Amino acid sequence: MEDLLKLMLAELRDFREETNGKLEKLEAGQKELKDLLRHNSALTMENLTDIRQDVRAKNRDVEADVNLLFKELEAVKRQTNKMDHLFRV
């Protein structure tokens, strides 16, 4: 009977050690996953910031081009009006 108890106690110790080892691996894996998620989030934020800056720059360029086209159109209209005025006279 005493041998059986010693055997069971030894098995329980082995099981506890195995469980503690698995728990340590699990905690290490969770830490690694958290670090990866933080890194991924940081990269995503950097990319989104770069994308926003690129979109703003592109928007400014497009607005400048549109304004330039309107100014050119306005100049052409003035010249056309002058020519119309000259030919009517």
PDB file of N, CA and C in Angstrom:
ATOM      1  N   MET A   1       0.823  -1.186   0.000  1.00  0.00           N
ATOM      2  CA  MET A   1       0.000   0.000   0.000  1.00  0.00           C
ATOM      3  C   MET A   1       0.874   1.260   0.000  1.00  0.00           C
ATOM      4  N   GLU A   2       1.911   1.259   0.792  1.00  0.00           N
ATOM      5  CA  GLU A   2       2.800   2.395   0.864  1.00  0.00           C
ATOM      6  C   GLU A   2       3.512   2.609  -0.460  1.00  0.00           C
ATOM      7  N   ASP A   3       3.873   1.515  -1.119  1.00  0.00           N
ATOM      8  CA  ASP A   3       4.519   1.616  -2.424  1.00  0.00           C
ATOM      9  C   ASP A   3       3.575   2.215  -3.464  1.00  0.00           C
ATOM     10  N   LEU A   4       2.322   1.832  -3.368  1.00  0.00           N
ATOM     11  CA  LEU A   4       1.320   2.361  -4.292  1.00  0.00           C
ATOM     12  C   LEU A   4       1.164   3.871  -4.091  1.00  0.00           C
ATOM     13  N   LEU A   5       1.136   4.314  -2.840  1.00  0.00           N
ATOM     14  CA  LEU A   5       1.031   5.741  -2.554  1.00  0.00           C
ATOM     15  C   LEU A   5       2.256   6.502  -3.069  1.00  0.00           C
ATOM     16  N   LYS A   6       3.429   5.908  -2.869  1.00  0.00           N
ATOM     17  CA  LYS A   6       4.657   6.542  -3.366  1.00  0.00           C
ATOM     18  C   LYS A   6       4.636   6.636  -4.879  1.00  0.00           C
ATOM     19  N   LEU A   7       4.160   5.579  -5.528  1.00  0.00           N
ATOM     20  CA  LEU A   7       4.057   5.560  -6.982  1.00  0.00           C
ATOM     21  C   LEU A   7       3.084   6.631  -7.461  1.00  0.00           C
ATOM     22  N   MET A   8       1.938   6.730  -6.810  1.00  0.00           N
ATOM     23  CA  MET A   8       0.936   7.735  -7.189  1.00  0.00           C
ATOM     24  C   MET A   8       1.480   9.148  -6.949  1.00  0.00           C
ATOM     25  N   LEU A   9       2.186   9.340  -5.846  1.00  0.00           N
ATOM     26  CA  LEU A   9       2.772  10.638  -5.546  1.00  0.00           C
ATOM     27  C   LEU A   9       3.825  11.016  -6.595  1.00  0.00           C
ATOM     28  N   ALA A  10       4.615  10.039  -7.009  1.00  0.00           N
ATOM     29  CA  ALA A  10       5.625  10.284  -8.039  1.00  0.00           C
ATOM     30  C   ALA A  10       4.952  10.646  -9.364  1.00  0.00           C
ATOM     31  N   GLU A  11       3.872   9.962  -9.694  1.00  0.00           N
ATOM     32  CA  GLU A  11       3.133  10.263 -10.923  1.00  0.00           C
ATOM     33  C   GLU A  11       2.532  11.664 -10.861  1.00  0.00           C
ATOM     34  N   LEU A  12       2.014  12.031  -9.684  1.00  0.00           N
ATOM     35  CA  LEU A  12       1.455  13.372  -9.524  1.00  0.00           C
ATOM     36  C   LEU A  12       2.540  14.437  -9.682  1.00  0.00           C
ATOM     37  N   ARG A  13       3.711  14.186  -9.138  1.00  0.00           N
ATOM     38  CA  ARG A  13       4.817  15.130  -9.291  1.00  0.00           C
ATOM     39  C   ARG A  13       5.205  15.272 -10.757  1.00  0.00           C
ATOM     40  N   ASP A  14       5.301  14.134 -11.448  1.00  0.00           N
ATOM     41  CA  ASP A  14       5.632  14.175 -12.886  1.00  0.00           C
ATOM     42  C   ASP A  14       4.574  14.953 -13.663  1.00  0.00           C
ATOM     43  N   PHE A  15       3.305  14.681 -13.329  1.00  0.00           N
ATOM     44  CA  PHE A  15       2.208  15.372 -14.009  1.00  0.00           C
ATOM     45  C   PHE A  15       2.276  16.871 -13.742  1.00  0.00           C
ATOM     46  N   ARG A  16       2.575  17.258 -12.473  1.00  0.00           N
ATOM     47  CA  ARG A  16       2.678  18.665 -12.119  1.00  0.00           C
ATOM     48  C   ARG A  16       3.838  19.322 -12.867  1.00  0.00           C
ATOM     49  N   GLU A  17       4.964  18.669 -12.951  1.00  0.00           N
ATOM     50  CA  GLU A  17       6.109  19.214 -13.675  1.00  0.00           C
ATOM     51  C   GLU A  17       5.794  19.369 -15.160  1.00  0.00           C
ATOM     52  N   GLU A  18       5.141  18.364 -15.709  1.00  0.00           N
ATOM     53  CA  GLU A  18       4.760  18.421 -17.131  1.00  0.00           C
ATOM     54  C   GLU A  18       3.779  19.566 -17.364  1.00  0.00           C
ATOM     55  N   THR A  19       2.807  19.700 -16.460  1.00  0.00           N
ATOM     56  CA  THR A  19       1.821  20.772 -16.577  1.00  0.00           C
ATOM     57  C   THR A  19       2.478  22.138 -16.425  1.00  0.00           C
ATOM     58  N   ASN A  20       3.390  22.268 -15.477  1.00  0.00           N
ATOM     59  CA  ASN A  20       4.101  23.538 -15.301  1.00  0.00           C
ATOM     60  C   ASN A  20       4.927  23.874 -16.536  1.00  0.00           C
ATOM     61  N   GLY A  21       5.558  22.880 -17.139  1.00  0.00           N
ATOM     62  CA  GLY A  21       6.320  23.093 -18.367  1.00  0.00           C
ATOM     63  C   GLY A  21       5.431  23.576 -19.500  1.00  0.00           C
ATOM     64  N   LYS A  22       4.270  22.943 -19.636  1.00  0.00           N
ATOM     65  CA  LYS A  22       3.327  23.354 -20.682  1.00  0.00           C
ATOM     66  C   LYS A  22       2.810  24.766 -20.418  1.00  0.00           C
ATOM     67  N   LEU A  23       2.569  25.082 -19.145  1.00  0.00           N
ATOM     68  CA  LEU A  23       2.089  26.414 -18.798  1.00  0.00           C
ATOM     69  C   LEU A  23       3.150  27.464 -19.126  1.00  0.00           C
ATOM     70  N   GLU A  24       4.396  27.181 -18.852  1.00  0.00           N
ATOM     71  CA  GLU A  24       5.470  28.111 -19.185  1.00  0.00           C
ATOM     72  C   GLU A  24       5.568  28.325 -20.687  1.00  0.00           C
ATOM     73  N   LYS A  25       5.432  27.234 -21.455  1.00  0.00           N
ATOM     74  CA  LYS A  25       5.456  27.362 -22.918  1.00  0.00           C
ATOM     75  C   LYS A  25       4.271  28.188 -23.406  1.00  0.00           C
ATOM     76  N   LEU A  26       3.112  27.961 -22.800  1.00  0.00           N
ATOM     77  CA  LEU A  26       1.915  28.709 -23.176  1.00  0.00           C
ATOM     78  C   LEU A  26       2.105  30.198 -22.892  1.00  0.00           C
ATOM     79  N   GLU A  27       2.635  30.523 -21.709  1.00  0.00           N
ATOM     80  CA  GLU A  27       2.870  31.921 -21.362  1.00  0.00           C
ATOM     81  C   GLU A  27       3.896  32.560 -22.296  1.00  0.00           C
ATOM     82  N   ALA A  28       4.933  31.813 -22.652  1.00  0.00           N
ATOM     83  CA  ALA A  28       5.938  32.330 -23.586  1.00  0.00           C
ATOM     84  C   ALA A  28       5.305  32.572 -24.961  1.00  0.00           C
ATOM     85  N   GLY A  29       4.440  31.664 -25.390  1.00  0.00           N
ATOM     86  CA  GLY A  29       3.753  31.830 -26.673  1.00  0.00           C
ATOM     87  C   GLY A  29       2.823  33.028 -26.663  1.00  0.00           C
ATOM     88  N   GLN A  30       2.123  33.216 -25.538  1.00  0.00           N
ATOM     89  CA  GLN A  30       1.237  34.377 -25.425  1.00  0.00           C
ATOM     90  C   GLN A  30       2.036  35.671 -25.477  1.00  0.00           C
ATOM     91  N   LYS A  31       3.169  35.705 -24.801  1.00  0.00           N
ATOM     92  CA  LYS A  31       4.026  36.892 -24.825  1.00  0.00           C
ATOM     93  C   LYS A  31       4.508  37.168 -26.248  1.00  0.00           C
ATOM     94  N   GLU A  32       4.898  36.105 -26.941  1.00  0.00           N
ATOM     95  CA  GLU A  32       5.354  36.276 -28.322  1.00  0.00           C
ATOM     96  C   GLU A  32       4.233  36.805 -29.209  1.00  0.00           C
ATOM     97  N   LEU A  33       3.023  36.274 -29.025  1.00  0.00           N
ATOM     98  CA  LEU A  33       1.877  36.752 -29.804  1.00  0.00           C
ATOM     99  C   LEU A  33       1.579  38.222 -29.503  1.00  0.00           C
ATOM    100  N   LYS A  34       1.643  38.614 -28.236  1.00  0.00           N
ATOM    101  CA  LYS A  34       1.413  40.016 -27.879  1.00  0.00           C
ATOM    102  C   LYS A  34       2.449  40.911 -28.541  1.00  0.00           C
ATOM    103  N   ASP A  35       3.709  40.484 -28.504  1.00  0.00           N
ATOM    104  CA  ASP A  35       4.762  41.277 -29.141  1.00  0.00           C
ATOM    105  C   ASP A  35       4.537  41.403 -30.642  1.00  0.00           C
ATOM    106  N   LEU A  36       4.133  40.296 -31.270  1.00  0.00           N
ATOM    107  CA  LEU A  36       3.858  40.333 -32.707  1.00  0.00           C
ATOM    108  C   LEU A  36       2.687  41.255 -33.027  1.00  0.00           C
ATOM    109  N   LEU A  37       1.652  41.194 -32.196  1.00  0.00           N
ATOM    110  CA  LEU A  37       0.495  42.063 -32.415  1.00  0.00           C
ATOM    111  C   LEU A  37       0.877  43.535 -32.244  1.00  0.00           C
ATOM    112  N   ARG A  38       1.690  43.840 -31.238  1.00  0.00           N
ATOM    113  CA  ARG A  38       2.137  45.222 -31.052  1.00  0.00           C
ATOM    114  C   ARG A  38       2.945  45.693 -32.266  1.00  0.00           C
ATOM    115  N   HIS A  39       3.852  44.837 -32.716  1.00  0.00           N
ATOM    116  CA  HIS A  39       4.690  45.184 -33.870  1.00  0.00           C
ATOM    117  C   HIS A  39       3.829  45.390 -35.114  1.00  0.00           C
ATOM    118  N   ASN A  40       2.889  44.478 -35.322  1.00  0.00           N
ATOM    119  CA  ASN A  40       2.007  44.579 -36.481  1.00  0.00           C
ATOM    120  C   ASN A  40       1.159  45.847 -36.410  1.00  0.00           C
ATOM    121  N   SER A  41       0.664  46.167 -35.219  1.00  0.00           N
ATOM    122  CA  SER A  41      -0.135  47.385 -35.054  1.00  0.00           C
ATOM    123  C   SER A  41       0.699  48.623 -35.342  1.00  0.00           C
ATOM    124  N   ALA A  42       1.928  48.623 -34.863  1.00  0.00           N
ATOM    125  CA  ALA A  42       2.802  49.774 -35.111  1.00  0.00           C
ATOM    126  C   ALA A  42       3.064  49.943 -36.605  1.00  0.00           C
ATOM    127  N   LEU A  43       3.337  48.839 -37.298  1.00  0.00           N
ATOM    128  CA  LEU A  43       3.579  48.921 -38.743  1.00  0.00           C
ATOM    129  C   LEU A  43       2.332  49.387 -39.487  1.00  0.00           C
ATOM    130  N   THR A  44       1.176  48.892 -39.062  1.00  0.00           N
ATOM    131  CA  THR A  44      -0.073  49.285 -39.704  1.00  0.00           C
ATOM    132  C   THR A  44      -0.316  50.780 -39.522  1.00  0.00           C
ATOM    133  N   MET A  45      -0.076  51.283 -38.316  1.00  0.00           N
ATOM    134  CA  MET A  45      -0.262  52.715 -38.073  1.00  0.00           C
ATOM    135  C   MET A  45       0.702  53.541 -38.914  1.00  0.00           C
ATOM    136  N   GLU A  46       1.948  53.093 -39.026  1.00  0.00           N
ATOM    137  CA  GLU A  46       2.912  53.810 -39.864  1.00  0.00           C
ATOM    138  C   GLU A  46       2.455  53.820 -41.313  1.00  0.00           C
ATOM    139  N   ASN A  47       1.975  52.676 -41.796  1.00  0.00           N
ATOM    140  CA  ASN A  47       1.512  52.593 -43.186  1.00  0.00           C
ATOM    141  C   ASN A  47       0.308  53.504 -43.409  1.00  0.00           C
ATOM    142  N   LEU A  48      -0.632  53.500 -42.461  1.00  0.00           N
ATOM    143  CA  LEU A  48      -1.810  54.353 -42.610  1.00  0.00           C
ATOM    144  C   LEU A  48      -1.418  55.830 -42.591  1.00  0.00           C
ATOM    145  N   THR A  49      -0.452  56.172 -41.749  1.00  0.00           N
ATOM    146  CA  THR A  49       0.018  57.554 -41.710  1.00  0.00           C
ATOM    147  C   THR A  49       0.643  57.940 -43.051  1.00  0.00           C
ATOM    148  N   ASP A  50       1.468  57.048 -43.594  1.00  0.00           N
ATOM    149  CA  ASP A  50       2.084  57.319 -44.898  1.00  0.00           C
ATOM    150  C   ASP A  50       1.028  57.440 -45.995  1.00  0.00           C
ATOM    151  N   ILE A  51       0.024  56.574 -45.944  1.00  0.00           N
ATOM    152  CA  ILE A  51      -1.044  56.611 -46.955  1.00  0.00           C
ATOM    153  C   ILE A  51      -1.802  57.932 -46.856  1.00  0.00           C
ATOM    154  N   ARG A  52      -2.140  58.359 -45.624  1.00  0.00           N
ATOM    155  CA  ARG A  52      -2.847  59.634 -45.450  1.00  0.00           C
ATOM    156  C   ARG A  52      -2.021  60.791 -45.991  1.00  0.00           C
ATOM    157  N   GLN A  53      -0.723  60.784 -45.708  1.00  0.00           N
ATOM    158  CA  GLN A  53       0.142  61.860 -46.200  1.00  0.00           C
ATOM    159  C   GLN A  53       0.200  61.848 -47.720  1.00  0.00           C
ATOM    160  N   ASP A  54       0.292  60.655 -48.317  1.00  0.00           N
ATOM    161  CA  ASP A  54       0.319  60.553 -49.776  1.00  0.00           C
ATOM    162  C   ASP A  54      -0.983  61.043 -50.390  1.00  0.00           C
ATOM    163  N   VAL A  55      -2.107  60.686 -49.761  1.00  0.00           N
ATOM    164  CA  VAL A  55      -3.408  61.117 -50.289  1.00  0.00           C
ATOM    165  C   VAL A  55      -3.544  62.630 -50.193  1.00  0.00           C
ATOM    166  N   ARG A  56      -3.104  63.194 -49.067  1.00  0.00           N
ATOM    167  CA  ARG A  56      -3.159  64.655 -48.928  1.00  0.00           C
ATOM    168  C   ARG A  56      -2.316  65.339 -49.993  1.00  0.00           C
ATOM    169  N   ALA A  57      -1.109  64.839 -50.211  1.00  0.00           N
ATOM    170  CA  ALA A  57      -0.232  65.433 -51.221  1.00  0.00           C
ATOM    171  C   ALA A  57      -0.863  65.317 -52.603  1.00  0.00           C
ATOM    172  N   LYS A  58      -1.423  64.158 -52.913  1.00  0.00           N
ATOM    173  CA  LYS A  58      -2.067  63.957 -54.216  1.00  0.00           C
ATOM    174  C   LYS A  58      -3.260  64.898 -54.362  1.00  0.00           C
ATOM    175  N   ASN A  59      -4.020  65.050 -53.278  1.00  0.00           N
ATOM    176  CA  ASN A  59      -5.177  65.952 -53.304  1.00  0.00           C
ATOM    177  C   ASN A  59      -4.744  67.382 -53.558  1.00  0.00           C
ATOM    178  N   ARG A  60      -3.666  67.812 -52.900  1.00  0.00           N
ATOM    179  CA  ARG A  60      -3.157  69.172 -53.136  1.00  0.00           C
ATOM    180  C   ARG A  60      -2.713  69.342 -54.582  1.00  0.00           C
ATOM    181  N   ASP A  61      -2.047  68.325 -55.124  1.00  0.00           N
ATOM    182  CA  ASP A  61      -1.600  68.403 -56.519  1.00  0.00           C
ATOM    183  C   ASP A  61      -2.788  68.509 -57.472  1.00  0.00           C
ATOM    184  N   VAL A  62      -3.814  67.705 -57.215  1.00  0.00           N
ATOM    185  CA  VAL A  62      -4.999  67.724 -58.082  1.00  0.00           C
ATOM    186  C   VAL A  62      -5.694  69.080 -57.987  1.00  0.00           C
ATOM    187  N   GLU A  63      -5.825  69.602 -56.760  1.00  0.00           N
ATOM    188  CA  GLU A  63      -6.449  70.916 -56.604  1.00  0.00           C
ATOM    189  C   GLU A  63      -5.650  71.994 -57.325  1.00  0.00           C
ATOM    190  N   ALA A  64      -4.324  71.915 -57.233  1.00  0.00           N
ATOM    191  CA  ALA A  64      -3.480  72.895 -57.935  1.00  0.00           C
ATOM    192  C   ALA A  64      -3.672  72.771 -59.446  1.00  0.00           C
ATOM    193  N   ASP A  65      -3.740  71.545 -59.947  1.00  0.00           N
ATOM    194  CA  ASP A  65      -3.949  71.346 -61.388  1.00  0.00           C
ATOM    195  C   ASP A  65      -5.306  71.890 -61.825  1.00  0.00           C
ATOM    196  N   VAL A  66      -6.336  71.637 -61.020  1.00  0.00           N
ATOM    197  CA  VAL A  66      -7.678  72.127 -61.365  1.00  0.00           C
ATOM    198  C   VAL A  66      -7.692  73.651 -61.360  1.00  0.00           C
ATOM    199  N   ASN A  67      -7.080  74.246 -60.342  1.00  0.00           N
ATOM    200  CA  ASN A  67      -7.023  75.714 -60.293  1.00  0.00           C
ATOM    201  C   ASN A  67      -6.275  76.275 -61.493  1.00  0.00           C
ATOM    202  N   LEU A  68      -5.193  75.631 -61.874  1.00  0.00           N
ATOM    203  CA  LEU A  68      -4.433  76.072 -63.043  1.00  0.00           C
ATOM    204  C   LEU A  68      -5.278  75.970 -64.313  1.00  0.00           C
ATOM    205  N   LEU A  69      -6.011  74.873 -64.443  1.00  0.00           N
ATOM    206  CA  LEU A  69      -6.875  74.721 -65.621  1.00  0.00           C
ATOM    207  C   LEU A  69      -7.944  75.804 -65.666  1.00  0.00           C
ATOM    208  N   PHE A  70      -8.536  76.121 -64.509  1.00  0.00           N
ATOM    209  CA  PHE A  70      -9.550  77.171 -64.493  1.00  0.00           C
ATOM    210  C   PHE A  70      -8.942  78.519 -64.859  1.00  0.00           C
ATOM    211  N   LYS A  71      -7.730  78.796 -64.383  1.00  0.00           N
ATOM    212  CA  LYS A  71      -7.066  80.054 -64.742  1.00  0.00           C
ATOM    213  C   LYS A  71      -6.772  80.099 -66.234  1.00  0.00           C
ATOM    214  N   GLU A  72      -6.313  78.991 -66.776  1.00  0.00           N
ATOM    215  CA  GLU A  72      -6.038  78.947 -68.217  1.00  0.00           C
ATOM    216  C   GLU A  72      -7.323  79.118 -69.017  1.00  0.00           C
ATOM    217  N   LEU A  73      -8.392  78.482 -68.556  1.00  0.00           N
ATOM    218  CA  LEU A  73      -9.678  78.609 -69.238  1.00  0.00           C
ATOM    219  C   LEU A  73     -10.164  80.053 -69.173  1.00  0.00           C
ATOM    220  N   GLU A  74      -9.958  80.666 -68.031  1.00  0.00           N
ATOM    221  CA  GLU A  74     -10.345  82.064 -67.883  1.00  0.00           C
ATOM    222  C   GLU A  74      -9.562  82.953 -68.841  1.00  0.00           C
ATOM    223  N   ALA A  75      -8.272  82.701 -68.994  1.00  0.00           N
ATOM    224  CA  ALA A  75      -7.445  83.490 -69.920  1.00  0.00           C
ATOM    225  C   ALA A  75      -7.909  83.275 -71.357  1.00  0.00           C
ATOM    226  N   VAL A  76      -8.221  82.054 -71.700  1.00  0.00           N
ATOM    227  CA  VAL A  76      -8.699  81.763 -73.061  1.00  0.00           C
ATOM    228  C   VAL A  76     -10.034  82.455 -73.303  1.00  0.00           C
ATOM    229  N   LYS A  77     -10.910  82.452 -72.315  1.00  0.00           N
ATOM    230  CA  LYS A  77     -12.209  83.118 -72.471  1.00  0.00           C
ATOM    231  C   LYS A  77     -12.021  84.623 -72.677  1.00  0.00           C
ATOM    232  N   ARG A  78     -11.100  85.209 -71.933  1.00  0.00           N
ATOM    233  CA  ARG A  78     -10.832  86.637 -72.113  1.00  0.00           C
ATOM    234  C   ARG A  78     -10.360  86.926 -73.534  1.00  0.00           C
ATOM    235  N   GLN A  79      -9.430  86.089 -74.005  1.00  0.00           N
ATOM    236  CA  GLN A  79      -8.931  86.293 -75.371  1.00  0.00           C
ATOM    237  C   GLN A  79     -10.048  86.110 -76.386  1.00  0.00           C
ATOM    238  N   THR A  80     -10.892  85.120 -76.156  1.00  0.00           N
ATOM    239  CA  THR A  80     -12.015  84.890 -77.072  1.00  0.00           C
ATOM    240  C   THR A  80     -12.971  86.074 -77.056  1.00  0.00           C
ATOM    241  N   ASN A  81     -13.237  86.591 -75.872  1.00  0.00           N
ATOM    242  CA  ASN A  81     -14.124  87.771 -75.771  1.00  0.00           C
ATOM    243  C   ASN A  81     -13.512  88.981 -76.475  1.00  0.00           C
ATOM    244  N   LYS A  82     -12.204  89.147 -76.346  1.00  0.00           N
ATOM    245  CA  LYS A  82     -11.531  90.254 -77.033  1.00  0.00           C
ATOM    246  C   LYS A  82     -11.639  90.089 -78.540  1.00  0.00           C
ATOM    247  N   MET A  83     -11.434  88.855 -79.002  1.00  0.00           N
ATOM    248  CA  MET A  83     -11.527  88.616 -80.454  1.00  0.00           C
ATOM    249  C   MET A  83     -12.935  88.841 -80.938  1.00  0.00           C
ATOM    250  N   ASP A  84     -13.921  88.392 -80.178  1.00  0.00           N
ATOM    251  CA  ASP A  84     -15.320  88.623 -80.557  1.00  0.00           C
ATOM    252  C   ASP A  84     -15.594  90.119 -80.624  1.00  0.00           C
ATOM    253  N   HIS A  85     -15.109  90.832 -79.675  1.00  0.00           N
ATOM    254  CA  HIS A  85     -15.325  92.278 -79.630  1.00  0.00           C
ATOM    255  C   HIS A  85     -14.650  92.960 -80.834  1.00  0.00           C
ATOM    256  N   LEU A  86     -13.442  92.508 -81.195  1.00  0.00           N
ATOM    257  CA  LEU A  86     -12.730  93.098 -82.317  1.00  0.00           C
ATOM    258  C   LEU A  86     -13.453  92.810 -83.643  1.00  0.00           C
ATOM    259  N   PHE A  87     -13.941  91.608 -83.790  1.00  0.00           N
ATOM    260  CA  PHE A  87     -14.588  91.251 -85.064  1.00  0.00           C
ATOM    261  C   PHE A  87     -15.967  91.852 -85.208  1.00  0.00           C
ATOM    262  N   ARG A  88     -16.592  92.195 -84.109  1.00  0.00           N
ATOM    263  CA  ARG A  88     -17.913  92.815 -84.194  1.00  0.00           C
ATOM    264  C   ARG A  88     -17.797  94.278 -84.616  1.00  0.00           C
ATOM    265  N   VAL A  89     -16.708  94.859 -84.313  1.00  0.00           N
ATOM    266  CA  VAL A  89     -16.556  96.276 -84.596  1.00  0.00           C
ATOM    267  C   VAL A  89     -16.328  96.523 -86.045  1.00  0.00           C
TER     268      VAL A  89
END
